[in-house]
Amino acid sequence: MATLSIRPLQEEDISHIVDYWLKNTDENLIQMGADKNKLSSRTEFTNFLQTICHSPLEKVKSYYMTWLIDNKPVGYNVVRDILKNEIANIHLHMWDAEYRGKGYGAKLFCMAALEFYKIFNLKIILCEPRSSNPMPNKMLTKIGFKKWKTYLSTSSELSLTCELNSYIVDPETAAAFLRR
């Protein structure tokens, strides 16, 4: 049985995240709702992530949590648009395709969501994947998070305008899923 863990973003994780985005196929980017033309250069993206690694928590508007399977980094969550003591939006990505579709992502997602609630004293976290992207929608539903609306918008600064499903990622459901 694999050992699952999470940790705050470290410098050694940055190249994985940058490669995930810059080396991803056009098809995958579109499925996620990402606009290839909005991606930063490798240098800009690396510098942005390095700044997050070295910023104090009270100053960040985005915060990354790396997913590990048997101590190997395989993906990440990021919370964006953080309003401490209030709300944030969460995104999820598994850069190591070997581990997709095996149930690891759901557990790692819940572990990270609970940590984000604790770190930023949040009241609510929303996850808004593209409605036509089956993997995150299936995972969020499997965990038991409630979809509260579907609407046309962008989910991040990298996104196309597309139809999004908005899920409430509540800590009770995340904790219950991890106990199963």
C-alpha atoms as a PDB file:
ATOM      1  CA  MET A   1       0.000   0.000   0.000  1.00  0.00           C
ATOM      2  CA  ALA A   2       1.336   3.415  -0.991  1.00  0.00           C
ATOM      3  CA  THR A   3       2.149   6.064   1.594  1.00  0.00           C
ATOM      4  CA  LEU A   4       0.406   9.361   0.812  1.00  0.00           C
ATOM      5  CA  SER A   5       1.562  12.710   2.169  1.00  0.00           C
ATOM      6  CA  ILE A   6       1.512  16.416   1.388  1.00  0.00           C
ATOM      7  CA  ARG A   7       3.937  19.249   2.021  1.00  0.00           C
ATOM      8  CA  PRO A   8       4.181  22.948   1.239  1.00  0.00           C
ATOM      9  CA  LEU A   9       5.771  23.749  -2.120  1.00  0.00           C
ATOM     10  CA  GLN A  10       9.559  23.435  -2.107  1.00  0.00           C
ATOM     11  CA  GLU A  11      12.092  24.675  -4.650  1.00  0.00           C
ATOM     12  CA  GLU A  12      12.621  21.091  -5.863  1.00  0.00           C
ATOM     13  CA  ASP A  13       8.925  20.877  -6.858  1.00  0.00           C
ATOM     14  CA  ILE A  14       8.941  23.948  -9.086  1.00  0.00           C
ATOM     15  CA  SER A  15      10.350  22.324 -12.235  1.00  0.00           C
ATOM     16  CA  HIS A  16       7.636  19.629 -12.065  1.00  0.00           C
ATOM     17  CA  ILE A  17       4.863  22.250 -11.984  1.00  0.00           C
ATOM     18  CA  VAL A  18       6.419  24.382 -14.718  1.00  0.00           C
ATOM     19  CA  ASP A  19       6.972  21.335 -16.956  1.00  0.00           C
ATOM     20  CA  TYR A  20       3.430  20.110 -16.308  1.00  0.00           C
ATOM     21  CA  TRP A  21       2.059  23.328 -17.774  1.00  0.00           C
ATOM     22  CA  LEU A  22       4.608  24.149 -20.477  1.00  0.00           C
ATOM     23  CA  LYS A  23       4.996  20.597 -21.811  1.00  0.00           C
ATOM     24  CA  ASN A  24       1.320  19.635 -21.637  1.00  0.00           C
ATOM     25  CA  THR A  25      -0.521  18.915 -24.888  1.00  0.00           C
ATOM     26  CA  ASP A  26      -2.883  21.439 -26.420  1.00  0.00           C
ATOM     27  CA  GLU A  27      -5.665  18.847 -26.058  1.00  0.00           C
ATOM     28  CA  ASN A  28      -5.097  18.445 -22.300  1.00  0.00           C
ATOM     29  CA  LEU A  29      -4.862  22.199 -21.757  1.00  0.00           C
ATOM     30  CA  ILE A  30      -8.182  22.735 -23.556  1.00  0.00           C
ATOM     31  CA  GLN A  31      -9.818  19.882 -21.605  1.00  0.00           C
ATOM     32  CA  MET A  32      -8.745  21.607 -18.368  1.00  0.00           C
ATOM     33  CA  GLY A  33     -10.015  24.933 -19.682  1.00  0.00           C
ATOM     34  CA  ALA A  34      -6.540  26.468 -19.850  1.00  0.00           C
ATOM     35  CA  ASP A  35      -5.563  29.049 -22.451  1.00  0.00           C
ATOM     36  CA  LYS A  36      -2.084  28.195 -23.786  1.00  0.00           C
ATOM     37  CA  ASN A  37      -1.590  31.853 -24.740  1.00  0.00           C
ATOM     38  CA  LYS A  38      -1.885  32.908 -21.082  1.00  0.00           C
ATOM     39  CA  LEU A  39       0.974  30.697 -19.871  1.00  0.00           C
ATOM     40  CA  SER A  40       4.031  32.552 -18.618  1.00  0.00           C
ATOM     41  CA  SER A  41       7.528  31.883 -19.862  1.00  0.00           C
ATOM     42  CA  ARG A  42       9.536  29.242 -18.002  1.00  0.00           C
ATOM     43  CA  THR A  43      11.573  31.962 -16.268  1.00  0.00           C
ATOM     44  CA  GLU A  44       8.538  34.028 -15.224  1.00  0.00           C
ATOM     45  CA  PHE A  45       6.646  30.977 -13.957  1.00  0.00           C
ATOM     46  CA  THR A  46       9.695  29.703 -12.046  1.00  0.00           C
ATOM     47  CA  ASN A  47      10.271  33.129 -10.475  1.00  0.00           C
ATOM     48  CA  PHE A  48       6.596  33.346  -9.463  1.00  0.00           C
ATOM     49  CA  LEU A  49       6.725  29.948  -7.730  1.00  0.00           C
ATOM     50  CA  GLN A  50      10.047  30.781  -6.042  1.00  0.00           C
ATOM     51  CA  THR A  51       8.468  33.950  -4.648  1.00  0.00           C
ATOM     52  CA  ILE A  52       5.616  31.878  -3.176  1.00  0.00           C
ATOM     53  CA  CYS A  53       8.139  29.462  -1.622  1.00  0.00           C
ATOM     54  CA  HIS A  54       9.846  32.325   0.202  1.00  0.00           C
ATOM     55  CA  SER A  55       6.858  34.515   1.096  1.00  0.00           C
ATOM     56  CA  PRO A  56       5.433  34.641   4.609  1.00  0.00           C
ATOM     57  CA  LEU A  57       1.945  33.119   4.901  1.00  0.00           C
ATOM     58  CA  GLU A  58       0.369  36.440   5.859  1.00  0.00           C
ATOM     59  CA  LYS A  59       1.366  37.909   2.467  1.00  0.00           C
ATOM     60  CA  VAL A  60       0.421  35.148   0.029  1.00  0.00           C
ATOM     61  CA  LYS A  61      -2.624  35.220  -2.246  1.00  0.00           C
ATOM     62  CA  SER A  62      -1.779  31.758  -3.631  1.00  0.00           C
ATOM     63  CA  TYR A  63      -0.320  28.791  -1.780  1.00  0.00           C
ATOM     64  CA  TYR A  64       0.801  25.420  -3.140  1.00  0.00           C
ATOM     65  CA  MET A  65       0.749  22.015  -1.477  1.00  0.00           C
ATOM     66  CA  THR A  66       2.741  19.214  -3.165  1.00  0.00           C
ATOM     67  CA  TRP A  67       1.298  15.700  -3.291  1.00  0.00           C
ATOM     68  CA  LEU A  68       3.639  12.804  -2.529  1.00  0.00           C
ATOM     69  CA  ILE A  69       3.214   9.069  -3.056  1.00  0.00           C
ATOM     70  CA  ASP A  70       5.908   7.063  -1.272  1.00  0.00           C
ATOM     71  CA  ASN A  71       7.803  10.368  -0.890  1.00  0.00           C
ATOM     72  CA  LYS A  72       7.787  10.971  -4.659  1.00  0.00           C
ATOM     73  CA  PRO A  73       6.219  14.297  -5.742  1.00  0.00           C
ATOM     74  CA  VAL A  74       3.392  13.523  -8.185  1.00  0.00           C
ATOM     75  CA  GLY A  75       1.067  16.552  -8.222  1.00  0.00           C
ATOM     76  CA  TYR A  76      -0.242  19.501  -6.310  1.00  0.00           C
ATOM     77  CA  ASN A  77      -3.095  21.605  -5.037  1.00  0.00           C
ATOM     78  CA  VAL A  78      -3.064  25.359  -5.051  1.00  0.00           C
ATOM     79  CA  VAL A  79      -5.409  27.713  -3.277  1.00  0.00           C
ATOM     80  CA  ARG A  80      -5.799  31.063  -5.014  1.00  0.00           C
ATOM     81  CA  ASP A  81      -7.578  34.289  -4.308  1.00  0.00           C
ATOM     82  CA  ILE A  82      -7.122  33.653  -0.601  1.00  0.00           C
ATOM     83  CA  LEU A  83      -9.143  35.885   1.687  1.00  0.00           C
ATOM     84  CA  LYS A  84      -7.820  34.728   5.064  1.00  0.00           C
ATOM     85  CA  ASN A  85     -10.530  33.779   7.557  1.00  0.00           C
ATOM     86  CA  GLU A  86     -13.021  33.693   4.654  1.00  0.00           C
ATOM     87  CA  ILE A  87     -12.684  31.960   1.262  1.00  0.00           C
ATOM     88  CA  ALA A  88     -10.265  30.553  -1.328  1.00  0.00           C
ATOM     89  CA  ASN A  89     -10.456  28.705  -4.635  1.00  0.00           C
ATOM     90  CA  ILE A  90      -8.662  25.377  -4.963  1.00  0.00           C
ATOM     91  CA  HIS A  91      -7.176  23.767  -8.064  1.00  0.00           C
ATOM     92  CA  LEU A  92      -5.691  20.287  -8.431  1.00  0.00           C
ATOM     93  CA  HIS A  93      -3.215  18.762 -10.838  1.00  0.00           C
ATOM     94  CA  MET A  94      -1.403  15.444 -10.954  1.00  0.00           C
ATOM     95  CA  TRP A  95       1.631  15.794 -13.189  1.00  0.00           C
ATOM     96  CA  ASP A  96       2.657  12.135 -12.923  1.00  0.00           C
ATOM     97  CA  ALA A  97       0.250  10.269 -15.214  1.00  0.00           C
ATOM     98  CA  GLU A  98       1.303   6.911 -13.719  1.00  0.00           C
ATOM     99  CA  TYR A  99      -0.779   7.685 -10.615  1.00  0.00           C
ATOM    100  CA  ARG A 100      -3.921   9.100 -12.266  1.00  0.00           C
ATOM    101  CA  GLY A 101      -7.195   7.212 -11.978  1.00  0.00           C
ATOM    102  CA  LYS A 102      -6.071   5.087  -9.013  1.00  0.00           C
ATOM    103  CA  GLY A 103      -7.824   6.940  -6.189  1.00  0.00           C
ATOM    104  CA  TYR A 104      -4.717   8.653  -4.852  1.00  0.00           C
ATOM    105  CA  GLY A 105      -5.736  12.098  -6.060  1.00  0.00           C
ATOM    106  CA  ALA A 106      -8.968  12.121  -4.046  1.00  0.00           C
ATOM    107  CA  LYS A 107      -7.165  11.335  -0.801  1.00  0.00           C
ATOM    108  CA  LEU A 108      -4.341  13.799  -1.457  1.00  0.00           C
ATOM    109  CA  PHE A 109      -6.870  16.469  -2.436  1.00  0.00           C
ATOM    110  CA  CYS A 110      -8.762  16.006   0.847  1.00  0.00           C
ATOM    111  CA  MET A 111      -5.553  16.039   2.881  1.00  0.00           C
ATOM    112  CA  ALA A 112      -4.500  19.314   1.250  1.00  0.00           C
ATOM    113  CA  ALA A 113      -7.953  20.906   1.562  1.00  0.00           C
ATOM    114  CA  LEU A 114      -8.004  20.205   5.302  1.00  0.00           C
ATOM    115  CA  GLU A 115      -4.534  21.706   5.638  1.00  0.00           C
ATOM    116  CA  PHE A 116      -5.594  24.844   3.724  1.00  0.00           C
ATOM    117  CA  TYR A 117      -8.591  25.247   6.024  1.00  0.00           C
ATOM    118  CA  LYS A 118      -6.272  25.076   9.010  1.00  0.00           C
ATOM    119  CA  ILE A 119      -3.468  27.301   7.667  1.00  0.00           C
ATOM    120  CA  PHE A 120      -5.728  30.125   6.468  1.00  0.00           C
ATOM    121  CA  ASN A 121      -8.645  29.661   8.898  1.00  0.00           C
ATOM    122  CA  LEU A 122     -11.031  29.476   5.954  1.00  0.00           C
ATOM    123  CA  LYS A 123     -14.816  29.269   6.131  1.00  0.00           C
ATOM    124  CA  ILE A 124     -15.214  27.941   2.580  1.00  0.00           C
ATOM    125  CA  ILE A 125     -13.130  26.568  -0.273  1.00  0.00           C
ATOM    126  CA  LEU A 126     -14.523  26.320  -3.789  1.00  0.00           C
ATOM    127  CA  CYS A 127     -13.258  24.047  -6.564  1.00  0.00           C
ATOM    128  CA  GLU A 128     -14.389  24.973 -10.069  1.00  0.00           C
ATOM    129  CA  PRO A 129     -13.251  22.581 -12.809  1.00  0.00           C
ATOM    130  CA  ARG A 130     -14.393  22.879 -16.383  1.00  0.00           C
ATOM    131  CA  SER A 131     -17.772  21.126 -16.551  1.00  0.00           C
ATOM    132  CA  SER A 132     -16.669  18.987 -19.511  1.00  0.00           C
ATOM    133  CA  ASN A 133     -13.464  17.773 -17.782  1.00  0.00           C
ATOM    134  CA  PRO A 134     -14.447  14.325 -16.481  1.00  0.00           C
ATOM    135  CA  MET A 135     -11.532  13.534 -14.123  1.00  0.00           C
ATOM    136  CA  PRO A 136     -11.895  16.312 -11.513  1.00  0.00           C
ATOM    137  CA  ASN A 137     -15.695  16.325 -11.693  1.00  0.00           C
ATOM    138  CA  LYS A 138     -15.842  12.557 -11.129  1.00  0.00           C
ATOM    139  CA  MET A 139     -13.351  12.784  -8.262  1.00  0.00           C
ATOM    140  CA  LEU A 140     -15.129  15.650  -6.487  1.00  0.00           C
ATOM    141  CA  THR A 141     -18.476  13.838  -6.800  1.00  0.00           C
ATOM    142  CA  LYS A 142     -16.942  10.539  -5.580  1.00  0.00           C
ATOM    143  CA  ILE A 143     -15.596  12.286  -2.477  1.00  0.00           C
ATOM    144  CA  GLY A 144     -19.088  13.662  -1.821  1.00  0.00           C
ATOM    145  CA  PHE A 145     -18.629  17.397  -2.350  1.00  0.00           C
ATOM    146  CA  LYS A 146     -21.793  19.204  -3.404  1.00  0.00           C
ATOM    147  CA  LYS A 147     -21.988  20.975  -6.737  1.00  0.00           C
ATOM    148  CA  TRP A 148     -23.876  24.169  -6.068  1.00  0.00           C
ATOM    149  CA  LYS A 149     -23.867  25.775  -9.498  1.00  0.00           C
ATOM    150  CA  THR A 150     -22.714  25.592 -13.087  1.00  0.00           C
ATOM    151  CA  TYR A 151     -21.873  28.853 -14.791  1.00  0.00           C
ATOM    152  CA  LEU A 152     -19.799  30.520 -17.509  1.00  0.00           C
ATOM    153  CA  SER A 153     -16.567  32.102 -16.251  1.00  0.00           C
ATOM    154  CA  THR A 154     -12.805  31.650 -15.853  1.00  0.00           C
ATOM    155  CA  SER A 155     -11.378  29.652 -12.947  1.00  0.00           C
ATOM    156  CA  SER A 156      -7.940  31.297 -12.909  1.00  0.00           C
ATOM    157  CA  GLU A 157      -5.710  33.728 -14.730  1.00  0.00           C
ATOM    158  CA  LEU A 158      -4.724  30.876 -17.088  1.00  0.00           C
ATOM    159  CA  SER A 159      -8.270  29.908 -18.019  1.00  0.00           C
ATOM    160  CA  LEU A 160     -10.434  30.140 -21.058  1.00  0.00           C
ATOM    161  CA  THR A 161     -13.945  31.408 -20.495  1.00  0.00           C
ATOM    162  CA  CYS A 162     -15.886  28.174 -20.232  1.00  0.00           C
ATOM    163  CA  GLU A 163     -18.653  26.422 -18.321  1.00  0.00           C
ATOM    164  CA  LEU A 164     -17.510  25.618 -14.778  1.00  0.00           C
ATOM    165  CA  ASN A 165     -18.972  23.361 -12.114  1.00  0.00           C
ATOM    166  CA  SER A 166     -18.595  24.972  -8.691  1.00  0.00           C
ATOM    167  CA  TYR A 167     -18.180  22.547  -5.770  1.00  0.00           C
ATOM    168  CA  ILE A 168     -18.142  23.439  -2.095  1.00  0.00           C
ATOM    169  CA  VAL A 169     -15.099  21.686  -0.633  1.00  0.00           C
ATOM    170  CA  ASP A 170     -16.203  21.451   2.985  1.00  0.00           C
ATOM    171  CA  PRO A 171     -13.893  20.097   5.690  1.00  0.00           C
ATOM    172  CA  GLU A 172     -16.466  17.660   7.091  1.00  0.00           C
ATOM    173  CA  THR A 173     -16.823  15.835   3.763  1.00  0.00           C
ATOM    174  CA  ALA A 174     -13.038  15.796   3.232  1.00  0.00           C
ATOM    175  CA  ALA A 175     -12.430  14.366   6.721  1.00  0.00           C
ATOM    176  CA  ALA A 176     -15.208  11.773   6.297  1.00  0.00           C
ATOM    177  CA  PHE A 177     -13.715  10.631   2.970  1.00  0.00           C
ATOM    178  CA  LEU A 178     -10.291  10.175   4.554  1.00  0.00           C
ATOM    179  CA  ARG A 179     -11.807   8.042   7.337  1.00  0.00           C
ATOM    180  CA  ARG A 180     -13.347   5.602   4.830  1.00  0.00           C
END
